[in-house]
Amino acid sequence: MPIAAAEMAQRVRESGLIAIIRGKFSRQQVLDIAEVLAAANILAVEVTLNTTDALDAIQHLRAAFSERLLVGAGTVRTAAQFAQVMAAGAQFTVAPNLDLATVALAQQHDTLHLPGVFTPSEVQNAFVAGCAMVKLFPSEIVGPRYLKALRAPLDDIDLVPTGGITPDNVADYVQAGAAAAGIGSALVTGPSQALEDLAARAQALRAAWDRAVKRNA
């Protein structure tokens, strides 16, 4: 059974961290990465559409990790791409942009779609279109202080900062009000990354996020 958008949003909040896989990975590398992430209790994975054979990777992740991971698609910039990733089995979608046609299609499918937003107006426009959770991108340009400033008048919208988040600053984002965080190259660095390095990064991020959430409770 597909997971409804509201329930998926709750699961993303509970996971806290969305691992982003982007690059020239083989199918086996993607599966190996997912295994390491699952072992580190990072339970939401986003495969971007500009990753090699992204649709194939999504299909095989769903088959291999259907009970362990939330498998999403990233860089879903158009309604046509949304239809493609849904057919491949994606459970949620993420974009760097706010495309209202994609948002409308996601609403029709009751699928969680996180559009990329940056300004207060974009956040509000996404919310009016039906998105109660959005991706703040690129967050490294403005940092936690900007997130906190957005949250002050827009505190009924879940903001998921993405970009530049590390174990050293993740607590600042939690304190500023992040509902979750998208983690890219600070976690999955590329196809030459050793799985041991990935495991160490995943464990450090998981521990840092969990400590911050506990302190902020």
N, C-alpha and C. Protein backbone atom coordinates (compact mmCIF):
# COMPACT_ATOMS: atom_id res chain seq x y z
N MET A 1 0.84 -1.21 0.00
CA MET A 1 0.00 0.00 0.00
C MET A 1 0.88 1.26 0.00
N PRO A 2 0.59 2.21 -0.87
CA PRO A 2 1.33 3.48 -0.84
C PRO A 2 1.12 4.19 0.50
N ILE A 3 2.12 4.94 0.91
CA ILE A 3 2.04 5.68 2.15
C ILE A 3 1.51 7.08 1.85
N ALA A 4 0.44 7.47 2.51
CA ALA A 4 -0.17 8.77 2.29
C ALA A 4 0.80 9.89 2.63
N ALA A 5 0.60 11.06 2.01
CA ALA A 5 1.54 12.16 2.17
C ALA A 5 1.71 12.57 3.63
N ALA A 6 0.61 12.67 4.36
CA ALA A 6 0.71 13.11 5.76
C ALA A 6 1.49 12.11 6.61
N GLU A 7 1.25 10.82 6.38
CA GLU A 7 1.99 9.81 7.13
C GLU A 7 3.45 9.80 6.73
N MET A 8 3.74 9.97 5.45
CA MET A 8 5.13 10.01 5.00
C MET A 8 5.86 11.20 5.61
N ALA A 9 5.19 12.34 5.68
CA ALA A 9 5.81 13.51 6.31
C ALA A 9 6.15 13.22 7.77
N GLN A 10 5.27 12.53 8.46
CA GLN A 10 5.53 12.18 9.85
C GLN A 10 6.73 11.24 9.95
N ARG A 11 6.84 10.30 9.04
CA ARG A 11 7.98 9.38 9.05
C ARG A 11 9.28 10.11 8.75
N VAL A 12 9.23 11.07 7.85
CA VAL A 12 10.42 11.86 7.57
C VAL A 12 10.83 12.65 8.80
N ARG A 13 9.86 13.24 9.50
CA ARG A 13 10.18 13.95 10.74
C ARG A 13 10.81 13.01 11.75
N GLU A 14 10.29 11.81 11.86
CA GLU A 14 10.83 10.85 12.82
C GLU A 14 12.24 10.42 12.45
N SER A 15 12.48 10.23 11.17
CA SER A 15 13.83 9.86 10.72
C SER A 15 14.79 11.02 10.91
N GLY A 16 14.32 12.23 10.58
CA GLY A 16 15.15 13.42 10.76
C GLY A 16 16.13 13.67 9.63
N LEU A 17 16.77 12.64 9.15
CA LEU A 17 17.82 12.78 8.15
C LEU A 17 17.40 12.10 6.85
N ILE A 18 17.56 12.81 5.74
CA ILE A 18 17.33 12.25 4.41
C ILE A 18 18.68 12.18 3.71
N ALA A 19 19.15 10.99 3.44
CA ALA A 19 20.43 10.81 2.76
C ALA A 19 20.23 10.96 1.26
N ILE A 20 21.04 11.80 0.64
CA ILE A 20 20.92 12.08 -0.79
C ILE A 20 22.01 11.34 -1.55
N ILE A 21 21.60 10.48 -2.49
CA ILE A 21 22.53 9.76 -3.36
C ILE A 21 22.50 10.43 -4.72
N ARG A 22 23.64 10.99 -5.11
CA ARG A 22 23.76 11.70 -6.39
C ARG A 22 25.12 11.40 -7.00
N GLY A 23 25.14 10.88 -8.22
CA GLY A 23 26.43 10.66 -8.87
C GLY A 23 26.42 9.44 -9.77
N LYS A 24 27.60 9.05 -10.18
CA LYS A 24 27.76 7.92 -11.11
C LYS A 24 27.98 6.63 -10.32
N PHE A 25 26.91 6.09 -9.80
CA PHE A 25 26.95 4.87 -9.00
C PHE A 25 26.38 3.70 -9.79
N SER A 26 26.95 2.53 -9.56
CA SER A 26 26.35 1.32 -10.10
C SER A 26 25.17 0.92 -9.23
N ARG A 27 24.35 0.03 -9.75
CA ARG A 27 23.22 -0.47 -8.96
C ARG A 27 23.71 -1.09 -7.65
N GLN A 28 24.77 -1.89 -7.71
CA GLN A 28 25.27 -2.55 -6.50
C GLN A 28 25.81 -1.53 -5.50
N GLN A 29 26.46 -0.49 -5.99
CA GLN A 29 26.94 0.55 -5.08
C GLN A 29 25.78 1.22 -4.36
N VAL A 30 24.70 1.49 -5.06
CA VAL A 30 23.53 2.11 -4.43
C VAL A 30 22.96 1.19 -3.35
N LEU A 31 22.88 -0.09 -3.66
CA LEU A 31 22.36 -1.04 -2.67
C LEU A 31 23.29 -1.14 -1.47
N ASP A 32 24.60 -1.12 -1.70
CA ASP A 32 25.56 -1.17 -0.60
C ASP A 32 25.46 0.08 0.27
N ILE A 33 25.31 1.23 -0.37
CA ILE A 33 25.15 2.48 0.37
C ILE A 33 23.90 2.42 1.24
N ALA A 34 22.82 1.94 0.67
CA ALA A 34 21.57 1.85 1.43
C ALA A 34 21.71 0.92 2.62
N GLU A 35 22.44 -0.15 2.47
CA GLU A 35 22.63 -1.09 3.57
C GLU A 35 23.38 -0.42 4.73
N VAL A 36 24.40 0.35 4.40
CA VAL A 36 25.16 1.06 5.43
C VAL A 36 24.27 2.10 6.12
N LEU A 37 23.50 2.83 5.35
CA LEU A 37 22.61 3.85 5.92
C LEU A 37 21.57 3.22 6.84
N ALA A 38 20.98 2.13 6.41
CA ALA A 38 19.98 1.45 7.24
C ALA A 38 20.60 0.98 8.55
N ALA A 39 21.82 0.47 8.48
CA ALA A 39 22.49 -0.01 9.69
C ALA A 39 22.77 1.14 10.66
N ALA A 40 22.94 2.35 10.12
CA ALA A 40 23.19 3.53 10.96
C ALA A 40 21.89 4.22 11.37
N ASN A 41 20.76 3.63 11.05
CA ASN A 41 19.44 4.16 11.40
C ASN A 41 19.14 5.48 10.68
N ILE A 42 19.68 5.64 9.49
CA ILE A 42 19.27 6.72 8.60
C ILE A 42 18.31 6.08 7.62
N LEU A 43 17.03 6.34 7.80
CA LEU A 43 15.99 5.51 7.21
C LEU A 43 15.24 6.14 6.04
N ALA A 44 15.70 7.29 5.58
CA ALA A 44 15.11 7.93 4.40
C ALA A 44 16.22 8.20 3.40
N VAL A 45 16.02 7.73 2.17
CA VAL A 45 17.04 7.85 1.12
C VAL A 45 16.40 8.49 -0.10
N GLU A 46 17.11 9.44 -0.68
CA GLU A 46 16.66 10.14 -1.89
C GLU A 46 17.67 9.89 -3.00
N VAL A 47 17.23 9.26 -4.08
CA VAL A 47 18.07 9.07 -5.26
C VAL A 47 17.72 10.16 -6.27
N THR A 48 18.67 11.00 -6.61
CA THR A 48 18.38 12.09 -7.52
C THR A 48 18.31 11.60 -8.96
N LEU A 49 17.51 12.28 -9.76
CA LEU A 49 17.33 11.85 -11.14
C LEU A 49 18.56 12.08 -12.01
N ASN A 50 19.52 12.88 -11.53
CA ASN A 50 20.76 13.00 -12.28
C ASN A 50 21.84 12.06 -11.75
N THR A 51 21.39 10.99 -11.10
CA THR A 51 22.24 9.86 -10.75
C THR A 51 22.13 8.82 -11.87
N THR A 52 23.22 8.12 -12.11
CA THR A 52 23.23 7.09 -13.16
C THR A 52 22.11 6.08 -12.94
N ASP A 53 21.30 5.83 -13.98
CA ASP A 53 20.23 4.83 -13.92
C ASP A 53 19.38 4.99 -12.66
N ALA A 54 18.96 6.23 -12.39
CA ALA A 54 18.24 6.53 -11.15
C ALA A 54 16.96 5.72 -11.01
N LEU A 55 16.19 5.59 -12.08
CA LEU A 55 14.92 4.87 -11.99
C LEU A 55 15.15 3.40 -11.66
N ASP A 56 16.17 2.81 -12.25
CA ASP A 56 16.52 1.42 -11.94
C ASP A 56 16.94 1.29 -10.48
N ALA A 57 17.73 2.26 -10.01
CA ALA A 57 18.18 2.24 -8.61
C ALA A 57 17.00 2.32 -7.66
N ILE A 58 16.03 3.18 -7.96
CA ILE A 58 14.85 3.31 -7.11
C ILE A 58 14.07 2.00 -7.07
N GLN A 59 13.88 1.39 -8.22
CA GLN A 59 13.16 0.12 -8.28
C GLN A 59 13.83 -0.95 -7.42
N HIS A 60 15.14 -1.05 -7.51
CA HIS A 60 15.85 -2.10 -6.77
C HIS A 60 15.95 -1.78 -5.28
N LEU A 61 16.03 -0.51 -4.94
CA LEU A 61 16.00 -0.15 -3.51
C LEU A 61 14.66 -0.52 -2.90
N ARG A 62 13.58 -0.24 -3.61
CA ARG A 62 12.26 -0.60 -3.09
C ARG A 62 12.15 -2.11 -2.89
N ALA A 63 12.66 -2.87 -3.85
CA ALA A 63 12.58 -4.33 -3.75
C ALA A 63 13.42 -4.86 -2.59
N ALA A 64 14.59 -4.28 -2.39
CA ALA A 64 15.52 -4.80 -1.38
C ALA A 64 15.26 -4.26 0.02
N PHE A 65 14.68 -3.05 0.12
CA PHE A 65 14.58 -2.38 1.42
C PHE A 65 13.17 -1.92 1.73
N SER A 66 12.17 -2.56 1.16
CA SER A 66 10.79 -2.08 1.30
C SER A 66 10.34 -1.98 2.75
N GLU A 67 10.89 -2.81 3.62
CA GLU A 67 10.47 -2.80 5.03
C GLU A 67 11.42 -1.99 5.91
N ARG A 68 12.52 -1.52 5.34
CA ARG A 68 13.56 -0.89 6.18
C ARG A 68 13.79 0.58 5.88
N LEU A 69 13.60 1.00 4.63
CA LEU A 69 13.92 2.36 4.24
C LEU A 69 12.75 3.03 3.53
N LEU A 70 12.66 4.34 3.68
CA LEU A 70 11.80 5.15 2.84
C LEU A 70 12.63 5.54 1.62
N VAL A 71 12.13 5.22 0.45
CA VAL A 71 12.89 5.44 -0.78
C VAL A 71 12.23 6.54 -1.60
N GLY A 72 12.94 7.62 -1.78
CA GLY A 72 12.41 8.75 -2.53
C GLY A 72 13.24 9.07 -3.75
N ALA A 73 12.73 9.97 -4.55
CA ALA A 73 13.42 10.45 -5.75
C ALA A 73 13.67 11.94 -5.61
N GLY A 74 14.85 12.39 -6.02
CA GLY A 74 15.19 13.79 -5.94
C GLY A 74 15.40 14.41 -7.32
N THR A 75 15.52 15.73 -7.33
CA THR A 75 15.66 16.49 -8.58
C THR A 75 14.47 16.24 -9.50
N VAL A 76 13.30 16.10 -8.90
CA VAL A 76 12.05 15.88 -9.65
C VAL A 76 11.49 17.26 -9.97
N ARG A 77 11.89 17.80 -11.11
CA ARG A 77 11.63 19.19 -11.44
C ARG A 77 10.34 19.42 -12.23
N THR A 78 9.78 18.36 -12.82
CA THR A 78 8.59 18.52 -13.68
C THR A 78 7.56 17.44 -13.36
N ALA A 79 6.34 17.67 -13.83
CA ALA A 79 5.27 16.69 -13.65
C ALA A 79 5.60 15.40 -14.39
N ALA A 80 6.24 15.51 -15.56
CA ALA A 80 6.61 14.32 -16.31
C ALA A 80 7.61 13.47 -15.53
N GLN A 81 8.57 14.11 -14.90
CA GLN A 81 9.54 13.37 -14.07
C GLN A 81 8.85 12.75 -12.86
N PHE A 82 7.89 13.46 -12.29
CA PHE A 82 7.14 12.90 -11.17
C PHE A 82 6.46 11.60 -11.58
N ALA A 83 5.84 11.60 -12.73
CA ALA A 83 5.17 10.38 -13.21
C ALA A 83 6.17 9.24 -13.40
N GLN A 84 7.36 9.55 -13.88
CA GLN A 84 8.39 8.53 -14.10
C GLN A 84 8.83 7.90 -12.78
N VAL A 85 9.09 8.72 -11.77
CA VAL A 85 9.59 8.17 -10.52
C VAL A 85 8.50 7.43 -9.76
N MET A 86 7.26 7.86 -9.90
CA MET A 86 6.17 7.13 -9.28
C MET A 86 6.05 5.73 -9.89
N ALA A 87 6.21 5.64 -11.20
CA ALA A 87 6.16 4.34 -11.87
C ALA A 87 7.31 3.45 -11.43
N ALA A 88 8.44 4.06 -11.05
CA ALA A 88 9.59 3.29 -10.58
C ALA A 88 9.44 2.86 -9.13
N GLY A 89 8.46 3.44 -8.41
CA GLY A 89 8.22 3.03 -7.04
C GLY A 89 8.62 4.02 -5.97
N ALA A 90 8.97 5.24 -6.35
CA ALA A 90 9.36 6.23 -5.34
C ALA A 90 8.21 6.47 -4.36
N GLN A 91 8.56 6.59 -3.09
CA GLN A 91 7.55 6.81 -2.05
C GLN A 91 7.36 8.28 -1.69
N PHE A 92 8.34 9.09 -2.01
CA PHE A 92 8.23 10.54 -1.85
C PHE A 92 9.14 11.19 -2.88
N THR A 93 8.94 12.47 -3.13
CA THR A 93 9.73 13.16 -4.13
C THR A 93 10.23 14.48 -3.59
N VAL A 94 11.37 14.92 -4.12
CA VAL A 94 12.03 16.15 -3.68
C VAL A 94 12.47 16.91 -4.93
N ALA A 95 12.41 18.22 -4.87
CA ALA A 95 12.80 19.05 -6.01
C ALA A 95 13.66 20.21 -5.55
N PRO A 96 14.49 20.75 -6.45
CA PRO A 96 15.23 21.98 -6.12
C PRO A 96 14.41 23.22 -6.37
N ASN A 97 13.21 23.05 -6.94
CA ASN A 97 12.39 24.16 -7.41
C ASN A 97 10.93 23.96 -7.00
N LEU A 98 10.17 25.03 -7.12
CA LEU A 98 8.73 24.97 -6.89
C LEU A 98 8.02 24.98 -8.23
N ASP A 99 7.53 23.81 -8.65
CA ASP A 99 6.79 23.67 -9.90
C ASP A 99 5.36 23.29 -9.52
N LEU A 100 4.42 24.19 -9.75
CA LEU A 100 3.07 23.98 -9.25
C LEU A 100 2.36 22.82 -9.94
N ALA A 101 2.72 22.51 -11.19
CA ALA A 101 2.11 21.36 -11.86
C ALA A 101 2.54 20.06 -11.18
N THR A 102 3.79 20.00 -10.76
CA THR A 102 4.27 18.82 -10.04
C THR A 102 3.59 18.70 -8.69
N VAL A 103 3.44 19.83 -8.00
CA VAL A 103 2.76 19.83 -6.71
C VAL A 103 1.32 19.33 -6.87
N ALA A 104 0.64 19.79 -7.90
CA ALA A 104 -0.75 19.38 -8.13
C ALA A 104 -0.84 17.89 -8.40
N LEU A 105 0.10 17.35 -9.16
CA LEU A 105 0.09 15.93 -9.46
C LEU A 105 0.37 15.11 -8.20
N ALA A 106 1.28 15.59 -7.38
CA ALA A 106 1.57 14.90 -6.12
C ALA A 106 0.35 14.90 -5.21
N GLN A 107 -0.39 16.02 -5.20
CA GLN A 107 -1.61 16.09 -4.41
C GLN A 107 -2.63 15.06 -4.90
N GLN A 108 -2.75 14.91 -6.20
CA GLN A 108 -3.68 13.93 -6.76
C GLN A 108 -3.33 12.52 -6.33
N HIS A 109 -2.02 12.24 -6.21
CA HIS A 109 -1.57 10.90 -5.84
C HIS A 109 -1.42 10.74 -4.32
N ASP A 110 -1.69 11.80 -3.56
CA ASP A 110 -1.50 11.79 -2.10
C ASP A 110 -0.08 11.34 -1.77
N THR A 111 0.88 11.93 -2.48
CA THR A 111 2.30 11.61 -2.32
C THR A 111 3.04 12.82 -1.76
N LEU A 112 3.91 12.59 -0.80
CA LEU A 112 4.70 13.68 -0.23
C LEU A 112 5.67 14.21 -1.29
N HIS A 113 5.56 15.49 -1.58
CA HIS A 113 6.49 16.17 -2.49
C HIS A 113 7.07 17.36 -1.76
N LEU A 114 8.39 17.44 -1.69
CA LEU A 114 9.08 18.55 -1.05
C LEU A 114 9.65 19.45 -2.13
N PRO A 115 8.96 20.55 -2.46
CA PRO A 115 9.50 21.46 -3.45
C PRO A 115 10.63 22.28 -2.85
N GLY A 116 11.57 22.68 -3.70
CA GLY A 116 12.64 23.54 -3.24
C GLY A 116 12.18 24.99 -3.18
N VAL A 117 12.37 25.62 -2.03
CA VAL A 117 11.97 27.01 -1.83
C VAL A 117 13.11 27.76 -1.14
N PHE A 118 13.08 29.08 -1.27
CA PHE A 118 14.14 29.87 -0.63
C PHE A 118 13.59 31.12 0.06
N THR A 119 12.61 31.76 -0.53
CA THR A 119 12.08 33.01 0.01
C THR A 119 10.79 32.76 0.79
N PRO A 120 10.40 33.70 1.65
CA PRO A 120 9.12 33.56 2.35
C PRO A 120 7.95 33.41 1.39
N SER A 121 7.97 34.13 0.28
CA SER A 121 6.86 34.03 -0.68
C SER A 121 6.80 32.64 -1.29
N GLU A 122 7.95 32.05 -1.61
CA GLU A 122 7.96 30.70 -2.17
C GLU A 122 7.45 29.69 -1.15
N VAL A 123 7.86 29.85 0.10
CA VAL A 123 7.37 28.95 1.15
C VAL A 123 5.85 29.03 1.24
N GLN A 124 5.32 30.24 1.27
CA GLN A 124 3.87 30.42 1.38
C GLN A 124 3.15 29.91 0.13
N ASN A 125 3.69 30.16 -1.05
CA ASN A 125 3.06 29.67 -2.28
C ASN A 125 3.00 28.15 -2.30
N ALA A 126 4.06 27.51 -1.83
CA ALA A 126 4.06 26.05 -1.76
C ALA A 126 3.02 25.56 -0.77
N PHE A 127 2.91 26.25 0.36
CA PHE A 127 1.94 25.87 1.38
C PHE A 127 0.51 26.00 0.86
N VAL A 128 0.22 27.10 0.20
CA VAL A 128 -1.12 27.31 -0.36
C VAL A 128 -1.45 26.23 -1.39
N ALA A 129 -0.43 25.79 -2.12
CA ALA A 129 -0.63 24.75 -3.14
C ALA A 129 -0.82 23.37 -2.53
N GLY A 130 -0.56 23.24 -1.21
CA GLY A 130 -0.80 21.96 -0.55
C GLY A 130 0.39 21.32 0.11
N CYS A 131 1.54 21.99 0.11
CA CYS A 131 2.76 21.40 0.69
C CYS A 131 2.95 21.89 2.13
N ALA A 132 2.77 21.01 3.08
CA ALA A 132 2.98 21.36 4.49
C ALA A 132 4.43 21.13 4.90
N MET A 133 5.23 20.51 4.02
CA MET A 133 6.65 20.28 4.25
C MET A 133 7.39 20.68 2.97
N VAL A 134 8.42 21.51 3.12
CA VAL A 134 9.16 22.01 1.96
C VAL A 134 10.66 21.90 2.21
N LYS A 135 11.40 21.94 1.11
CA LYS A 135 12.86 21.87 1.17
C LYS A 135 13.44 23.28 1.08
N LEU A 136 14.17 23.70 2.10
CA LEU A 136 14.86 24.99 2.06
C LEU A 136 16.20 24.78 1.38
N PHE A 137 16.34 25.35 0.18
CA PHE A 137 17.52 25.07 -0.63
C PHE A 137 17.93 26.31 -1.41
N PRO A 138 19.25 26.59 -1.44
CA PRO A 138 20.36 25.90 -0.77
C PRO A 138 20.61 26.50 0.61
N SER A 139 20.54 25.69 1.64
CA SER A 139 20.59 26.21 3.00
C SER A 139 21.97 26.70 3.41
N GLU A 140 23.03 26.22 2.77
CA GLU A 140 24.37 26.63 3.21
C GLU A 140 24.64 28.11 2.89
N ILE A 141 23.87 28.68 1.98
CA ILE A 141 24.08 30.08 1.62
C ILE A 141 23.66 31.01 2.75
N VAL A 142 22.66 30.60 3.50
CA VAL A 142 22.07 31.49 4.51
C VAL A 142 22.17 30.94 5.94
N GLY A 143 22.23 29.64 6.10
CA GLY A 143 22.47 29.05 7.41
C GLY A 143 21.28 29.01 8.36
N PRO A 144 21.51 28.54 9.58
CA PRO A 144 20.44 28.35 10.56
C PRO A 144 19.71 29.63 10.94
N ARG A 145 20.40 30.76 10.94
CA ARG A 145 19.74 32.02 11.34
C ARG A 145 18.61 32.37 10.37
N TYR A 146 18.82 32.09 9.11
CA TYR A 146 17.78 32.36 8.11
C TYR A 146 16.60 31.42 8.31
N LEU A 147 16.89 30.15 8.58
CA LEU A 147 15.83 29.18 8.87
C LEU A 147 15.00 29.65 10.05
N LYS A 148 15.65 30.09 11.10
CA LYS A 148 14.93 30.57 12.28
C LYS A 148 14.06 31.78 11.94
N ALA A 149 14.59 32.67 11.11
CA ALA A 149 13.83 33.85 10.72
C ALA A 149 12.59 33.47 9.91
N LEU A 150 12.72 32.50 9.02
CA LEU A 150 11.57 32.03 8.25
C LEU A 150 10.53 31.38 9.15
N ARG A 151 11.00 30.62 10.13
CA ARG A 151 10.09 29.89 11.00
C ARG A 151 9.24 30.82 11.86
N ALA A 152 9.73 32.01 12.14
CA ALA A 152 8.99 32.91 13.04
C ALA A 152 7.58 33.20 12.52
N PRO A 153 7.40 33.63 11.26
CA PRO A 153 6.04 33.87 10.76
C PRO A 153 5.42 32.67 10.08
N LEU A 154 6.22 31.65 9.79
CA LEU A 154 5.74 30.50 9.01
C LEU A 154 5.89 29.21 9.81
N ASP A 155 5.50 29.27 11.08
CA ASP A 155 5.78 28.15 11.98
C ASP A 155 4.83 26.97 11.81
N ASP A 156 3.85 27.09 10.90
CA ASP A 156 2.96 25.95 10.64
C ASP A 156 3.41 25.17 9.41
N ILE A 157 4.59 25.48 8.91
CA ILE A 157 5.14 24.79 7.74
C ILE A 157 6.44 24.12 8.12
N ASP A 158 6.59 22.84 7.80
CA ASP A 158 7.83 22.11 8.10
C ASP A 158 8.89 22.46 7.07
N LEU A 159 10.03 22.93 7.56
CA LEU A 159 11.14 23.29 6.68
C LEU A 159 12.25 22.26 6.81
N VAL A 160 12.72 21.78 5.66
CA VAL A 160 13.77 20.76 5.61
C VAL A 160 14.99 21.37 4.91
N PRO A 161 15.91 21.96 5.67
CA PRO A 161 17.09 22.55 5.04
C PRO A 161 17.95 21.50 4.38
N THR A 162 18.51 21.86 3.24
CA THR A 162 19.34 20.94 2.47
C THR A 162 20.52 21.70 1.90
N GLY A 163 21.71 21.18 2.17
CA GLY A 163 22.93 21.81 1.67
C GLY A 163 23.81 22.31 2.79
N GLY A 164 25.03 21.77 2.88
CA GLY A 164 26.00 22.27 3.84
C GLY A 164 25.79 21.84 5.27
N ILE A 165 24.97 20.83 5.51
CA ILE A 165 24.70 20.40 6.89
C ILE A 165 25.65 19.25 7.26
N THR A 166 26.30 19.39 8.39
CA THR A 166 27.32 18.45 8.86
C THR A 166 27.08 18.12 10.33
N PRO A 167 27.81 17.14 10.87
CA PRO A 167 27.67 16.87 12.31
C PRO A 167 28.01 18.08 13.17
N ASP A 168 28.85 18.97 12.65
CA ASP A 168 29.28 20.13 13.43
C ASP A 168 28.21 21.21 13.53
N ASN A 169 27.32 21.31 12.54
CA ASN A 169 26.34 22.40 12.58
C ASN A 169 24.88 21.92 12.61
N VAL A 170 24.69 20.60 12.60
CA VAL A 170 23.31 20.09 12.52
C VAL A 170 22.50 20.51 13.75
N ALA A 171 23.14 20.62 14.90
CA ALA A 171 22.42 21.03 16.11
C ALA A 171 21.88 22.46 15.97
N ASP A 172 22.62 23.31 15.27
CA ASP A 172 22.14 24.68 15.06
C ASP A 172 20.87 24.69 14.22
N TYR A 173 20.80 23.78 13.24
CA TYR A 173 19.60 23.70 12.40
C TYR A 173 18.41 23.15 13.20
N VAL A 174 18.67 22.17 14.05
CA VAL A 174 17.59 21.63 14.89
C VAL A 174 17.06 22.73 15.81
N GLN A 175 17.96 23.47 16.44
CA GLN A 175 17.55 24.53 17.35
C GLN A 175 16.78 25.63 16.60
N ALA A 176 17.12 25.83 15.33
CA ALA A 176 16.45 26.85 14.53
C ALA A 176 15.07 26.42 14.05
N GLY A 177 14.76 25.12 14.20
CA GLY A 177 13.43 24.66 13.87
C GLY A 177 13.31 23.72 12.69
N ALA A 178 14.42 23.14 12.24
CA ALA A 178 14.36 22.20 11.12
C ALA A 178 13.51 20.99 11.48
N ALA A 179 12.59 20.63 10.58
CA ALA A 179 11.78 19.43 10.79
C ALA A 179 12.56 18.17 10.46
N ALA A 180 13.48 18.30 9.51
CA ALA A 180 14.38 17.24 9.08
C ALA A 180 15.49 17.93 8.32
N ALA A 181 16.42 17.16 7.77
CA ALA A 181 17.52 17.76 7.01
C ALA A 181 17.92 16.84 5.87
N GLY A 182 18.14 17.42 4.71
CA GLY A 182 18.68 16.66 3.58
C GLY A 182 20.19 16.73 3.61
N ILE A 183 20.84 15.57 3.54
CA ILE A 183 22.29 15.50 3.68
C ILE A 183 22.88 14.92 2.40
N GLY A 184 23.68 15.71 1.71
CA GLY A 184 24.29 15.26 0.46
C GLY A 184 25.71 14.82 0.63
N SER A 185 26.66 15.63 0.14
CA SER A 185 28.06 15.21 0.10
C SER A 185 28.73 15.13 1.46
N ALA A 186 28.09 15.65 2.49
CA ALA A 186 28.63 15.45 3.83
C ALA A 186 28.44 14.01 4.29
N LEU A 187 27.64 13.26 3.55
CA LEU A 187 27.37 11.86 3.89
C LEU A 187 27.84 10.94 2.77
N VAL A 188 27.18 10.98 1.62
CA VAL A 188 27.56 10.17 0.47
C VAL A 188 28.42 11.04 -0.44
N THR A 189 29.73 10.79 -0.44
CA THR A 189 30.67 11.70 -1.10
C THR A 189 30.85 11.39 -2.58
N GLY A 190 30.66 10.14 -3.00
CA GLY A 190 30.86 9.80 -4.40
C GLY A 190 31.15 8.33 -4.57
N PRO A 191 31.28 7.88 -5.83
CA PRO A 191 31.44 6.45 -6.09
C PRO A 191 32.73 5.84 -5.57
N SER A 192 33.74 6.64 -5.29
CA SER A 192 35.00 6.09 -4.78
C SER A 192 35.04 6.02 -3.26
N GLN A 193 33.97 6.45 -2.60
CA GLN A 193 33.93 6.46 -1.14
C GLN A 193 33.95 5.04 -0.57
N ALA A 194 34.78 4.82 0.42
CA ALA A 194 34.80 3.53 1.11
C ALA A 194 33.56 3.41 1.99
N LEU A 195 33.02 2.21 2.06
CA LEU A 195 31.83 2.01 2.89
C LEU A 195 32.12 2.29 4.36
N GLU A 196 33.35 2.08 4.78
CA GLU A 196 33.72 2.37 6.17
C GLU A 196 33.62 3.88 6.44
N ASP A 197 34.03 4.68 5.46
CA ASP A 197 33.92 6.13 5.62
C ASP A 197 32.46 6.55 5.67
N LEU A 198 31.65 5.96 4.80
CA LEU A 198 30.22 6.25 4.81
C LEU A 198 29.61 5.90 6.16
N ALA A 199 29.97 4.74 6.69
CA ALA A 199 29.42 4.31 7.97
C ALA A 199 29.79 5.28 9.08
N ALA A 200 31.04 5.74 9.09
CA ALA A 200 31.49 6.68 10.12
C ALA A 200 30.73 8.00 10.01
N ARG A 201 30.55 8.48 8.79
CA ARG A 201 29.81 9.73 8.59
C ARG A 201 28.35 9.58 9.00
N ALA A 202 27.76 8.45 8.64
CA ALA A 202 26.36 8.21 8.96
C ALA A 202 26.15 8.14 10.46
N GLN A 203 27.04 7.44 11.15
CA GLN A 203 26.92 7.31 12.60
C GLN A 203 27.09 8.66 13.29
N ALA A 204 28.03 9.47 12.78
CA ALA A 204 28.26 10.79 13.39
C ALA A 204 27.06 11.71 13.20
N LEU A 205 26.49 11.69 12.01
CA LEU A 205 25.32 12.52 11.76
C LEU A 205 24.11 12.06 12.56
N ARG A 206 23.92 10.75 12.63
CA ARG A 206 22.79 10.21 13.39
C ARG A 206 22.91 10.60 14.86
N ALA A 207 24.10 10.45 15.41
CA ALA A 207 24.30 10.77 16.83
C ALA A 207 24.12 12.27 17.07
N ALA A 208 24.65 13.11 16.17
CA ALA A 208 24.56 14.55 16.35
C ALA A 208 23.11 15.02 16.26
N TRP A 209 22.37 14.48 15.29
CA TRP A 209 20.95 14.85 15.16
C TRP A 209 20.16 14.43 16.40
N ASP A 210 20.36 13.19 16.82
CA ASP A 210 19.59 12.68 17.96
C ASP A 210 19.89 13.46 19.23
N ARG A 211 21.16 13.80 19.45
CA ARG A 211 21.52 14.60 20.63
C ARG A 211 20.83 15.96 20.58
N ALA A 212 20.86 16.57 19.42
CA ALA A 212 20.27 17.90 19.27
C ALA A 212 18.76 17.87 19.50
N VAL A 213 18.10 16.86 18.95
CA VAL A 213 16.64 16.74 19.12
C VAL A 213 16.31 16.54 20.59
N LYS A 214 17.09 15.72 21.29
CA LYS A 214 16.85 15.47 22.70
C LYS A 214 17.03 16.74 23.53
N ARG A 215 18.08 17.50 23.22
CA ARG A 215 18.33 18.75 23.95
C ARG A 215 17.24 19.78 23.67
N ASN A 216 16.70 19.73 22.46
CA ASN A 216 15.74 20.75 22.04
C ASN A 216 14.30 20.40 22.41
N ALA A 217 14.10 19.20 22.95
CA ALA A 217 12.75 18.74 23.26
C ALA A 217 12.12 19.55 24.40
